[in-house]
Amino acid sequence: MVPSSNSPGLVNPSRSLSNSASPASKGHKIPGRTRAKLQDAHIHTVEQAAERLDISRCTLVHWIELGLLKATQITPGAPWRVELTDDDYRRLTAGDAPAG
């Protein structure tokens, strides 16, 4: 017995998967790979805080471990949420150092 083209499990070769399959995000207007924006102006990702302080990511994590910056993780291994106030910025960048 020859299966009909309507049998489940058979693929119609004239129909390409690229035409029928599309990401669910397209039809529902779900944004693609975007980084979440933290709502508080003083809370930054490690990358954002390191860029603001003009230091490497590794240095920033070291400063967190030393207690120079306040940062939290929801669970161990989760991304850090770094609290970087204007006072922290001045203290760590010598922004308030006297001229000369």
C-alpha atoms as a PDB file:
ATOM      1  CA  MET A   1       0.000   0.000   0.000  1.00  0.00           C
ATOM      2  CA  VAL A   2       1.350   3.410  -0.978  1.00  0.00           C
ATOM      3  CA  PRO A   3       0.795   6.169   1.607  1.00  0.00           C
ATOM      4  CA  SER A   4      -1.134   9.176   0.385  1.00  0.00           C
ATOM      5  CA  SER A   5       0.304  12.676   0.476  1.00  0.00           C
ATOM      6  CA  ASN A   6      -2.171  13.512   3.253  1.00  0.00           C
ATOM      7  CA  SER A   7      -0.704  10.885   5.598  1.00  0.00           C
ATOM      8  CA  PRO A   8       0.849  12.236   8.773  1.00  0.00           C
ATOM      9  CA  GLY A   9       4.625  12.136   8.848  1.00  0.00           C
ATOM     10  CA  LEU A  10       5.104  12.690   5.134  1.00  0.00           C
ATOM     11  CA  VAL A  11       6.704  15.896   3.956  1.00  0.00           C
ATOM     12  CA  ASN A  12       5.523  17.554   0.800  1.00  0.00           C
ATOM     13  CA  PRO A  13       8.780  18.240  -1.069  1.00  0.00           C
ATOM     14  CA  SER A  14       7.256  21.168  -2.906  1.00  0.00           C
ATOM     15  CA  ARG A  15       6.806  23.007   0.382  1.00  0.00           C
ATOM     16  CA  SER A  16      10.002  24.384   1.851  1.00  0.00           C
ATOM     17  CA  LEU A  17      10.406  24.711   5.610  1.00  0.00           C
ATOM     18  CA  SER A  18      11.917  28.150   5.184  1.00  0.00           C
ATOM     19  CA  ASN A  19       8.604  29.381   3.767  1.00  0.00           C
ATOM     20  CA  SER A  20       6.440  27.898   6.491  1.00  0.00           C
ATOM     21  CA  ALA A  21       8.568  28.292   9.598  1.00  0.00           C
ATOM     22  CA  SER A  22       9.164  31.707  11.084  1.00  0.00           C
ATOM     23  CA  PRO A  23      10.217  32.841  14.523  1.00  0.00           C
ATOM     24  CA  ALA A  24       7.324  33.325  16.919  1.00  0.00           C
ATOM     25  CA  SER A  25       8.742  36.734  17.748  1.00  0.00           C
ATOM     26  CA  LYS A  26       7.982  38.037  14.248  1.00  0.00           C
ATOM     27  CA  GLY A  27       4.233  37.573  14.347  1.00  0.00           C
ATOM     28  CA  HIS A  28       3.894  38.749  17.927  1.00  0.00           C
ATOM     29  CA  LYS A  29       6.319  41.682  17.790  1.00  0.00           C
ATOM     30  CA  ILE A  30       8.494  40.267  20.576  1.00  0.00           C
ATOM     31  CA  PRO A  31      11.899  41.991  20.614  1.00  0.00           C
ATOM     32  CA  GLY A  32      14.893  39.844  19.791  1.00  0.00           C
ATOM     33  CA  ARG A  33      18.098  39.536  21.756  1.00  0.00           C
ATOM     34  CA  THR A  34      18.185  42.750  23.730  1.00  0.00           C
ATOM     35  CA  ARG A  35      19.793  43.434  27.063  1.00  0.00           C
ATOM     36  CA  ALA A  36      17.418  44.332  29.842  1.00  0.00           C
ATOM     37  CA  LYS A  37      17.694  47.920  30.942  1.00  0.00           C
ATOM     38  CA  LEU A  38      17.972  48.393  34.689  1.00  0.00           C
ATOM     39  CA  GLN A  39      15.442  50.923  35.946  1.00  0.00           C
ATOM     40  CA  ASP A  40      17.402  52.658  38.733  1.00  0.00           C
ATOM     41  CA  ALA A  41      19.896  55.239  37.452  1.00  0.00           C
ATOM     42  CA  HIS A  42      22.468  54.081  40.043  1.00  0.00           C
ATOM     43  CA  ILE A  43      22.177  50.354  39.242  1.00  0.00           C
ATOM     44  CA  HIS A  44      24.377  49.095  36.406  1.00  0.00           C
ATOM     45  CA  THR A  45      25.517  45.860  34.837  1.00  0.00           C
ATOM     46  CA  VAL A  46      29.196  45.018  35.305  1.00  0.00           C
ATOM     47  CA  GLU A  47      29.868  46.091  31.719  1.00  0.00           C
ATOM     48  CA  GLN A  48      28.075  49.429  32.155  1.00  0.00           C
ATOM     49  CA  ALA A  49      29.816  50.220  35.453  1.00  0.00           C
ATOM     50  CA  ALA A  50      33.250  49.250  34.095  1.00  0.00           C
ATOM     51  CA  GLU A  51      32.719  51.459  31.054  1.00  0.00           C
ATOM     52  CA  ARG A  52      31.588  54.392  33.206  1.00  0.00           C
ATOM     53  CA  LEU A  53      34.646  54.032  35.458  1.00  0.00           C
ATOM     54  CA  ASP A  54      36.940  53.419  32.448  1.00  0.00           C
ATOM     55  CA  ILE A  55      38.301  50.171  33.902  1.00  0.00           C
ATOM     56  CA  SER A  56      38.212  46.541  32.808  1.00  0.00           C
ATOM     57  CA  ARG A  57      35.411  44.194  33.734  1.00  0.00           C
ATOM     58  CA  CYS A  58      37.883  42.059  35.735  1.00  0.00           C
ATOM     59  CA  THR A  59      39.016  45.063  37.783  1.00  0.00           C
ATOM     60  CA  LEU A  60      35.420  45.964  38.559  1.00  0.00           C
ATOM     61  CA  VAL A  61      34.633  42.433  39.774  1.00  0.00           C
ATOM     62  CA  HIS A  62      37.802  42.556  41.910  1.00  0.00           C
ATOM     63  CA  TRP A  63      36.650  45.856  43.433  1.00  0.00           C
ATOM     64  CA  ILE A  64      33.269  44.253  44.211  1.00  0.00           C
ATOM     65  CA  GLU A  65      35.034  41.324  45.919  1.00  0.00           C
ATOM     66  CA  LEU A  66      37.158  43.783  47.943  1.00  0.00           C
ATOM     67  CA  GLY A  67      34.045  45.671  49.033  1.00  0.00           C
ATOM     68  CA  LEU A  68      34.933  48.902  47.236  1.00  0.00           C
ATOM     69  CA  LEU A  69      31.599  48.825  45.387  1.00  0.00           C
ATOM     70  CA  LYS A  70      28.187  47.666  46.475  1.00  0.00           C
ATOM     71  CA  ALA A  71      26.810  44.927  44.209  1.00  0.00           C
ATOM     72  CA  THR A  72      24.280  42.113  44.475  1.00  0.00           C
ATOM     73  CA  GLN A  73      23.502  38.862  42.722  1.00  0.00           C
ATOM     74  CA  ILE A  74      20.064  37.238  42.784  1.00  0.00           C
ATOM     75  CA  THR A  75      21.711  33.808  43.001  1.00  0.00           C
ATOM     76  CA  PRO A  76      25.344  32.697  42.888  1.00  0.00           C
ATOM     77  CA  GLY A  77      26.533  32.832  39.289  1.00  0.00           C
ATOM     78  CA  ALA A  78      23.853  35.331  38.261  1.00  0.00           C
ATOM     79  CA  PRO A  79      24.903  38.663  36.753  1.00  0.00           C
ATOM     80  CA  TRP A  80      25.962  41.341  39.215  1.00  0.00           C
ATOM     81  CA  ARG A  81      23.819  44.430  39.738  1.00  0.00           C
ATOM     82  CA  VAL A  82      26.327  47.143  40.601  1.00  0.00           C
ATOM     83  CA  GLU A  83      25.314  50.187  42.613  1.00  0.00           C
ATOM     84  CA  LEU A  84      27.403  53.096  41.381  1.00  0.00           C
ATOM     85  CA  THR A  85      26.500  56.463  42.849  1.00  0.00           C
ATOM     86  CA  ASP A  86      28.047  59.794  41.935  1.00  0.00           C
ATOM     87  CA  ASP A  87      29.990  59.659  45.231  1.00  0.00           C
ATOM     88  CA  ASP A  88      31.362  56.199  44.312  1.00  0.00           C
ATOM     89  CA  TYR A  89      32.366  57.536  40.898  1.00  0.00           C
ATOM     90  CA  ARG A  90      34.258  60.501  42.408  1.00  0.00           C
ATOM     91  CA  ARG A  91      35.883  58.324  45.078  1.00  0.00           C
ATOM     92  CA  LEU A  92      37.077  55.669  42.622  1.00  0.00           C
ATOM     93  CA  THR A  93      38.189  57.949  39.801  1.00  0.00           C
ATOM     94  CA  ALA A  94      39.782  60.714  41.878  1.00  0.00           C
ATOM     95  CA  GLY A  95      37.153  63.045  40.464  1.00  0.00           C
ATOM     96  CA  ASP A  96      37.367  65.138  43.611  1.00  0.00           C
ATOM     97  CA  ALA A  97      41.189  65.282  43.713  1.00  0.00           C
ATOM     98  CA  PRO A  98      42.657  68.780  43.923  1.00  0.00           C
ATOM     99  CA  ALA A  99      44.085  70.266  40.733  1.00  0.00           C
ATOM    100  CA  GLY A 100      47.800  70.162  40.251  1.00  0.00           C
END
